[in-house]
PDB file of N, CA and C in Angstrom:
ATOM      1  N   MET A   1    -169.679 -61.583 100.228  1.00  0.00           N
ATOM      2  CA  MET A   1    -168.954 -62.419 100.484  1.00  0.00           C
ATOM      3  C   MET A   1    -168.388 -63.323 101.291  1.00  0.00           C
ATOM      4  N   LEU A   2    -168.236 -64.203 101.090  1.00  0.00           N
ATOM      5  CA  LEU A   2    -168.669 -65.582 102.263  1.00  0.00           C
ATOM      6  C   LEU A   2    -167.129 -65.562 102.197  1.00  0.00           C
ATOM      7  N   ASN A   3    -166.698 -65.406 103.795  1.00  0.00           N
ATOM      8  CA  ASN A   3    -165.108 -66.166 104.067  1.00  0.00           C
ATOM      9  C   ASN A   3    -164.222 -65.453 103.120  1.00  0.00           C
ATOM     10  N   GLY A   4    -164.410 -64.029 102.553  1.00  0.00           N
ATOM     11  CA  GLY A   4    -163.416 -63.564 101.041  1.00  0.00           C
ATOM     12  C   GLY A   4    -163.548 -63.940  99.947  1.00  0.00           C
ATOM     13  N   ILE A   5    -164.583 -65.464  99.161  1.00  0.00           N
ATOM     14  CA  ILE A   5    -163.546 -66.342  98.488  1.00  0.00           C
ATOM     15  C   ILE A   5    -165.330 -65.974  97.489  1.00  0.00           C
ATOM     16  N   VAL A   6    -166.891 -66.735  98.546  1.00  0.00           N
ATOM     17  CA  VAL A   6    -167.900 -66.399  97.391  1.00  0.00           C
ATOM     18  C   VAL A   6    -168.962 -65.050  97.423  1.00  0.00           C
ATOM     19  N   PRO A   7    -168.995 -65.108  96.221  1.00  0.00           N
ATOM     20  CA  PRO A   7    -169.603 -64.157  96.152  1.00  0.00           C
ATOM     21  C   PRO A   7    -171.130 -63.977  96.042  1.00  0.00           C
ATOM     22  N   ALA A   8    -171.866 -63.161  96.856  1.00  0.00           N
ATOM     23  CA  ALA A   8    -173.489 -63.387  96.897  1.00  0.00           C
ATOM     24  C   ALA A   8    -174.185 -63.045  95.303  1.00  0.00           C
ATOM     25  N   LEU A   9    -175.174 -63.878  95.108  1.00  0.00           N
ATOM     26  CA  LEU A   9    -176.315 -63.665  94.814  1.00  0.00           C
ATOM     27  C   LEU A   9    -176.066 -62.269  94.210  1.00  0.00           C
ATOM     28  N   ALA A  10    -176.709 -61.619  93.284  1.00  0.00           N
ATOM     29  CA  ALA A  10    -177.049 -60.888  92.779  1.00  0.00           C
ATOM     30  C   ALA A  10    -178.680 -60.919  93.256  1.00  0.00           C
ATOM     31  N   TYR A  11    -179.307 -61.637  93.293  1.00  0.00           N
ATOM     32  CA  TYR A  11    -180.789 -62.143  93.135  1.00  0.00           C
ATOM     33  C   TYR A  11    -180.929 -63.251  93.670  1.00  0.00           C
ATOM     34  N   PRO A  12    -182.157 -63.723  94.657  1.00  0.00           N
ATOM     35  CA  PRO A  12    -182.914 -62.851  95.130  1.00  0.00           C
ATOM     36  C   PRO A  12    -182.479 -62.238  96.345  1.00  0.00           C
ATOM     37  N   THR A  13    -181.877 -60.994  97.104  1.00  0.00           N
ATOM     38  CA  THR A  13    -182.393 -60.486  98.091  1.00  0.00           C
ATOM     39  C   THR A  13    -183.787 -60.070  98.513  1.00  0.00           C
ATOM     40  N   ASP A  14    -183.491 -60.115  99.596  1.00  0.00           N
ATOM     41  CA  ASP A  14    -185.035 -59.351 100.366  1.00  0.00           C
ATOM     42  C   ASP A  14    -184.993 -58.806 101.889  1.00  0.00           C
ATOM     43  N   VAL A  15    -185.300 -57.854 102.027  1.00  0.00           N
ATOM     44  CA  VAL A  15    -184.889 -56.951 103.269  1.00  0.00           C
ATOM     45  C   VAL A  15    -186.291 -57.233 103.744  1.00  0.00           C
ATOM     46  N   GLY A  16    -186.585 -57.689 105.012  1.00  0.00           N
ATOM     47  CA  GLY A  16    -187.200 -57.899 105.883  1.00  0.00           C
ATOM     48  C   GLY A  16    -187.191 -57.853 107.690  1.00  0.00           C
ATOM     49  N   ASP A  17    -187.781 -57.899 108.375  1.00  0.00           N
ATOM     50  CA  ASP A  17    -187.446 -58.212 110.017  1.00  0.00           C
ATOM     51  C   ASP A  17    -187.616 -59.277 109.963  1.00  0.00           C
ATOM     52  N   TYR A  18    -186.450 -60.884 109.920  1.00  0.00           N
ATOM     53  CA  TYR A  18    -186.350 -61.970 110.249  1.00  0.00           C
ATOM     54  C   TYR A  18    -186.013 -61.855 111.638  1.00  0.00           C
ATOM     55  N   ASP A  19    -185.242 -61.160 112.518  1.00  0.00           N
ATOM     56  CA  ASP A  19    -185.399 -61.464 113.503  1.00  0.00           C
ATOM     57  C   ASP A  19    -186.367 -61.392 114.478  1.00  0.00           C
ATOM     58  N   SER A  20    -187.257 -60.386 114.310  1.00  0.00           N
ATOM     59  CA  SER A  20    -188.687 -59.702 115.090  1.00  0.00           C
ATOM     60  C   SER A  20    -187.608 -58.882 115.865  1.00  0.00           C
ATOM     61  N   ASP A  21    -186.993 -58.442 115.653  1.00  0.00           N
ATOM     62  CA  ASP A  21    -186.447 -56.928 116.175  1.00  0.00           C
ATOM     63  C   ASP A  21    -186.406 -55.279 116.116  1.00  0.00           C
ATOM     64  N   GLY A  22    -187.551 -55.448 115.075  1.00  0.00           N
ATOM     65  CA  GLY A  22    -187.488 -53.993 114.541  1.00  0.00           C
ATOM     66  C   GLY A  22    -186.850 -53.343 113.576  1.00  0.00           C
ATOM     67  N   VAL A  23    -185.520 -54.267 113.369  1.00  0.00           N
ATOM     68  CA  VAL A  23    -184.902 -53.436 112.527  1.00  0.00           C
ATOM     69  C   VAL A  23    -184.409 -54.243 111.124  1.00  0.00           C
ATOM     70  N   PRO A  24    -184.700 -53.334 110.163  1.00  0.00           N
ATOM     71  CA  PRO A  24    -184.592 -54.434 108.910  1.00  0.00           C
ATOM     72  C   PRO A  24    -183.699 -54.758 108.916  1.00  0.00           C
ATOM     73  N   ASP A  25    -183.716 -56.462 108.139  1.00  0.00           N
ATOM     74  CA  ASP A  25    -182.059 -57.321 107.766  1.00  0.00           C
ATOM     75  C   ASP A  25    -182.652 -57.743 106.456  1.00  0.00           C
ATOM     76  N   LEU A  26    -180.922 -57.701 105.913  1.00  0.00           N
ATOM     77  CA  LEU A  26    -180.941 -57.747 104.475  1.00  0.00           C
ATOM     78  C   LEU A  26    -181.089 -59.171 104.771  1.00  0.00           C
ATOM     79  N   MET A  27    -181.643 -60.425 103.880  1.00  0.00           N
ATOM     80  CA  MET A  27    -181.240 -61.818 103.305  1.00  0.00           C
ATOM     81  C   MET A  27    -180.666 -61.934 102.355  1.00  0.00           C
ATOM     82  N   GLY A  28    -178.696 -62.109 102.203  1.00  0.00           N
ATOM     83  CA  GLY A  28    -178.747 -62.322 101.095  1.00  0.00           C
ATOM     84  C   GLY A  28    -178.630 -64.420 100.468  1.00  0.00           C
ATOM     85  N   LYS A  29    -178.163 -64.397  99.668  1.00  0.00           N
ATOM     86  CA  LYS A  29    -177.678 -65.820  99.047  1.00  0.00           C
ATOM     87  C   LYS A  29    -176.458 -66.325  98.153  1.00  0.00           C
ATOM     88  N   PHE A  30    -176.042 -67.770  98.323  1.00  0.00           N
ATOM     89  CA  PHE A  30    -174.815 -67.322  97.786  1.00  0.00           C
ATOM     90  C   PHE A  30    -175.058 -69.279  96.748  1.00  0.00           C
ATOM     91  N   ASP A  31    -174.488 -69.346  96.415  1.00  0.00           N
ATOM     92  CA  ASP A  31    -174.315 -70.234  94.982  1.00  0.00           C
ATOM     93  C   ASP A  31    -173.958 -71.479  95.979  1.00  0.00           C
ATOM     94  N   ARG A  32    -174.627 -72.891  96.129  1.00  0.00           N
ATOM     95  CA  ARG A  32    -174.555 -73.746  97.503  1.00  0.00           C
ATOM     96  C   ARG A  32    -173.235 -74.517  96.569  1.00  0.00           C
ATOM     97  N   SER A  33    -172.801 -74.996  95.543  1.00  0.00           N
ATOM     98  CA  SER A  33    -171.858 -75.270  95.390  1.00  0.00           C
ATOM     99  C   SER A  33    -170.610 -74.895  95.762  1.00  0.00           C
ATOM    100  N   ASN A  34    -170.936 -73.915  94.901  1.00  0.00           N
ATOM    101  CA  ASN A  34    -169.370 -73.034  95.882  1.00  0.00           C
ATOM    102  C   ASN A  34    -168.929 -73.196  97.399  1.00  0.00           C
ATOM    103  N   ALA A  35    -170.380 -72.873  98.041  1.00  0.00           N
ATOM    104  CA  ALA A  35    -169.669 -72.635  99.454  1.00  0.00           C
ATOM    105  C   ALA A  35    -169.703 -74.125  99.830  1.00  0.00           C
ATOM    106  N   GLN A  36    -171.012 -74.849  99.834  1.00  0.00           N
ATOM    107  CA  GLN A  36    -170.228 -76.359 100.176  1.00  0.00           C
ATOM    108  C   GLN A  36    -169.333 -77.228  99.459  1.00  0.00           C
ATOM    109  N   ASP A  37    -168.010 -76.306  98.719  1.00  0.00           N
ATOM    110  CA  ASP A  37    -166.219 -76.481  98.275  1.00  0.00           C
ATOM    111  C   ASP A  37    -165.322 -75.965  99.046  1.00  0.00           C
ATOM    112  N   MET A  38    -165.978 -75.470 100.052  1.00  0.00           N
ATOM    113  CA  MET A  38    -164.905 -74.280 101.519  1.00  0.00           C
ATOM    114  C   MET A  38    -165.486 -75.428 102.907  1.00  0.00           C
ATOM    115  N   LEU A  39    -166.656 -76.823 102.663  1.00  0.00           N
ATOM    116  CA  LEU A  39    -167.733 -77.087 104.382  1.00  0.00           C
ATOM    117  C   LEU A  39    -167.275 -78.921 103.541  1.00  0.00           C
ATOM    118  N   GLU A  40    -166.795 -79.141 105.078  1.00  0.00           N
ATOM    119  CA  GLU A  40    -166.874 -80.123 104.883  1.00  0.00           C
ATOM    120  C   GLU A  40    -167.889 -81.324 106.190  1.00  0.00           C
ATOM    121  N   PRO A  41    -168.776 -82.351 106.103  1.00  0.00           N
ATOM    122  CA  PRO A  41    -169.273 -82.363 106.923  1.00  0.00           C
ATOM    123  C   PRO A  41    -168.353 -83.347 108.545  1.00  0.00           C
ATOM    124  N   GLY A  42    -169.277 -82.553 109.983  1.00  0.00           N
ATOM    125  CA  GLY A  42    -168.592 -82.707 111.004  1.00  0.00           C
ATOM    126  C   GLY A  42    -168.162 -81.848 111.053  1.00  0.00           C
ATOM    127  N   ASP A  43    -167.297 -80.686 110.466  1.00  0.00           N
ATOM    128  CA  ASP A  43    -166.570 -79.498 110.537  1.00  0.00           C
ATOM    129  C   ASP A  43    -167.403 -78.505 111.308  1.00  0.00           C
ATOM    130  N   GLU A  44    -166.648 -78.014 112.334  1.00  0.00           N
ATOM    131  CA  GLU A  44    -167.237 -76.513 112.905  1.00  0.00           C
ATOM    132  C   GLU A  44    -166.321 -75.562 112.247  1.00  0.00           C
ATOM    133  N   VAL A  45    -167.222 -74.392 111.527  1.00  0.00           N
ATOM    134  CA  VAL A  45    -166.489 -73.578 111.158  1.00  0.00           C
ATOM    135  C   VAL A  45    -166.485 -72.114 111.197  1.00  0.00           C
ATOM    136  N   GLU A  46    -166.182 -71.219 111.316  1.00  0.00           N
ATOM    137  CA  GLU A  46    -166.126 -69.536 111.615  1.00  0.00           C
ATOM    138  C   GLU A  46    -166.379 -68.783 109.992  1.00  0.00           C
ATOM    139  N   LEU A  47    -167.921 -68.606 109.632  1.00  0.00           N
ATOM    140  CA  LEU A  47    -167.749 -68.245 108.323  1.00  0.00           C
ATOM    141  C   LEU A  47    -167.907 -66.822 108.747  1.00  0.00           C
ATOM    142  N   THR A  48    -167.715 -66.050 107.756  1.00  0.00           N
ATOM    143  CA  THR A  48    -167.734 -64.366 107.848  1.00  0.00           C
ATOM    144  C   THR A  48    -168.856 -63.832 106.822  1.00  0.00           C
ATOM    145  N   VAL A  49    -169.077 -62.913 106.601  1.00  0.00           N
ATOM    146  CA  VAL A  49    -170.001 -62.553 105.644  1.00  0.00           C
ATOM    147  C   VAL A  49    -169.799 -60.879 105.533  1.00  0.00           C
ATOM    148  N   SER A  50    -169.000 -60.513 104.567  1.00  0.00           N
ATOM    149  CA  SER A  50    -169.047 -59.089 104.551  1.00  0.00           C
ATOM    150  C   SER A  50    -169.237 -58.439 103.437  1.00  0.00           C
ATOM    151  N   GLY A  51    -169.245 -57.268 102.840  1.00  0.00           N
ATOM    152  CA  GLY A  51    -169.658 -56.358 101.599  1.00  0.00           C
ATOM    153  C   GLY A  51    -170.345 -54.932 101.523  1.00  0.00           C
ATOM    154  N   GLN A  52    -170.452 -54.096 100.949  1.00  0.00           N
ATOM    155  CA  GLN A  52    -170.758 -53.087 101.415  1.00  0.00           C
ATOM    156  C   GLN A  52    -171.724 -52.115 100.901  1.00  0.00           C
ATOM    157  N   LEU A  53    -172.417 -51.648 101.259  1.00  0.00           N
ATOM    158  CA  LEU A  53    -173.753 -51.371 100.593  1.00  0.00           C
ATOM    159  C   LEU A  53    -173.049 -50.150 100.346  1.00  0.00           C
ATOM    160  N   THR A  54    -174.485 -49.771  99.556  1.00  0.00           N
ATOM    161  CA  THR A  54    -174.648 -48.299  98.171  1.00  0.00           C
ATOM    162  C   THR A  54    -174.562 -47.401  98.358  1.00  0.00           C
ATOM    163  N   ASP A  55    -174.373 -47.516  99.646  1.00  0.00           N
ATOM    164  CA  ASP A  55    -173.326 -46.376  99.936  1.00  0.00           C
ATOM    165  C   ASP A  55    -171.941 -46.170 100.049  1.00  0.00           C
ATOM    166  N   GLY A  56    -171.564 -46.875  99.952  1.00  0.00           N
ATOM    167  CA  GLY A  56    -169.956 -47.542 100.372  1.00  0.00           C
ATOM    168  C   GLY A  56    -169.851 -47.671 102.113  1.00  0.00           C
ATOM    169  N   THR A  57    -170.899 -47.872 102.492  1.00  0.00           N
ATOM    170  CA  THR A  57    -170.629 -48.247 103.857  1.00  0.00           C
ATOM    171  C   THR A  57    -170.203 -49.842 104.107  1.00  0.00           C
ATOM    172  N   THR A  58    -169.248 -50.184 105.016  1.00  0.00           N
ATOM    173  CA  THR A  58    -168.913 -51.577 105.114  1.00  0.00           C
ATOM    174  C   THR A  58    -169.487 -52.115 105.729  1.00  0.00           C
ATOM    175  N   PHE A  59    -169.283 -53.519 105.504  1.00  0.00           N
ATOM    176  CA  PHE A  59    -170.179 -54.109 107.452  1.00  0.00           C
ATOM    177  C   PHE A  59    -169.343 -55.350 107.450  1.00  0.00           C
ATOM    178  N   GLU A  60    -169.570 -56.406 108.041  1.00  0.00           N
ATOM    179  CA  GLU A  60    -168.325 -57.964 108.426  1.00  0.00           C
ATOM    180  C   GLU A  60    -169.729 -58.623 109.227  1.00  0.00           C
ATOM    181  N   GLY A  61    -169.873 -59.699 109.209  1.00  0.00           N
ATOM    182  CA  GLY A  61    -170.373 -60.524 110.225  1.00  0.00           C
ATOM    183  C   GLY A  61    -170.229 -61.815 110.458  1.00  0.00           C
ATOM    184  N   THR A  62    -170.100 -62.117 111.441  1.00  0.00           N
ATOM    185  CA  THR A  62    -169.416 -63.613 111.815  1.00  0.00           C
ATOM    186  C   THR A  62    -169.756 -64.720 112.911  1.00  0.00           C
ATOM    187  N   ASP A  63    -169.891 -65.883 112.287  1.00  0.00           N
ATOM    188  CA  ASP A  63    -170.613 -67.227 113.374  1.00  0.00           C
ATOM    189  C   ASP A  63    -169.796 -68.247 113.196  1.00  0.00           C
ATOM    190  N   THR A  64    -170.604 -68.734 113.971  1.00  0.00           N
ATOM    191  CA  THR A  64    -169.820 -70.014 114.129  1.00  0.00           C
ATOM    192  C   THR A  64    -170.849 -71.761 113.347  1.00  0.00           C
ATOM    193  N   ILE A  65    -171.506 -72.322 113.088  1.00  0.00           N
ATOM    194  CA  ILE A  65    -171.881 -73.043 112.068  1.00  0.00           C
ATOM    195  C   ILE A  65    -171.163 -74.362 112.271  1.00  0.00           C
ATOM    196  N   ARG A  66    -172.019 -75.703 112.699  1.00  0.00           N
ATOM    197  CA  ARG A  66    -171.459 -76.638 112.860  1.00  0.00           C
ATOM    198  C   ARG A  66    -171.913 -77.182 111.712  1.00  0.00           C
ATOM    199  N   VAL A  67    -171.507 -77.921 110.096  1.00  0.00           N
ATOM    200  CA  VAL A  67    -171.655 -78.736 108.928  1.00  0.00           C
ATOM    201  C   VAL A  67    -172.572 -79.758 109.256  1.00  0.00           C
ATOM    202  N   ILE A  68    -173.315 -80.504 108.769  1.00  0.00           N
ATOM    203  CA  ILE A  68    -174.173 -81.308 108.985  1.00  0.00           C
ATOM    204  C   ILE A  68    -174.496 -82.434 107.527  1.00  0.00           C
ATOM    205  N   GLU A  69    -174.402 -83.366 107.238  1.00  0.00           N
ATOM    206  CA  GLU A  69    -174.257 -84.320 106.088  1.00  0.00           C
ATOM    207  C   GLU A  69    -175.987 -84.268 105.889  1.00  0.00           C
ATOM    208  N   GLN A  70    -176.127 -83.836 104.689  1.00  0.00           N
ATOM    209  CA  GLN A  70    -177.597 -84.628 104.356  1.00  0.00           C
ATOM    210  C   GLN A  70    -177.845 -86.019 103.820  1.00  0.00           C
ATOM    211  N   GLU A  71    -179.417 -86.273 104.209  1.00  0.00           N
ATOM    212  CA  GLU A  71    -179.594 -87.188 104.424  1.00  0.00           C
ATOM    213  C   GLU A  71    -179.440 -87.778 102.476  1.00  0.00           C
ATOM    214  N   LYS A  72    -179.727 -88.754 102.667  1.00  0.00           N
ATOM    215  CA  LYS A  72    -179.746 -89.374 101.351  1.00  0.00           C
ATOM    216  C   LYS A  72    -181.241 -90.308 101.242  1.00  0.00           C
ATOM    217  N   LYS A  73    -182.120 -89.065 100.197  1.00  0.00           N
ATOM    218  CA  LYS A  73    -183.498 -90.560  99.912  1.00  0.00           C
ATOM    219  C   LYS A  73    -183.319 -91.290  99.138  1.00  0.00           C
TER     220      LYS A  73
END
């Protein structure tokens, strides 16, 4: 879940070592339009990703992002 509101997509999910620390990482994806509804360009927001592994172990991670406006083509 993203901020307890937006569910992660079931697919695609990929496990890899994205930060090159030797520990497998899970990359999850979210529906862009649902996530964008929570964000405004210029905002600095704290995002929390939480969930549960298949064995029942819960997890949560938090980071702060700055929302930028996409350039129009």
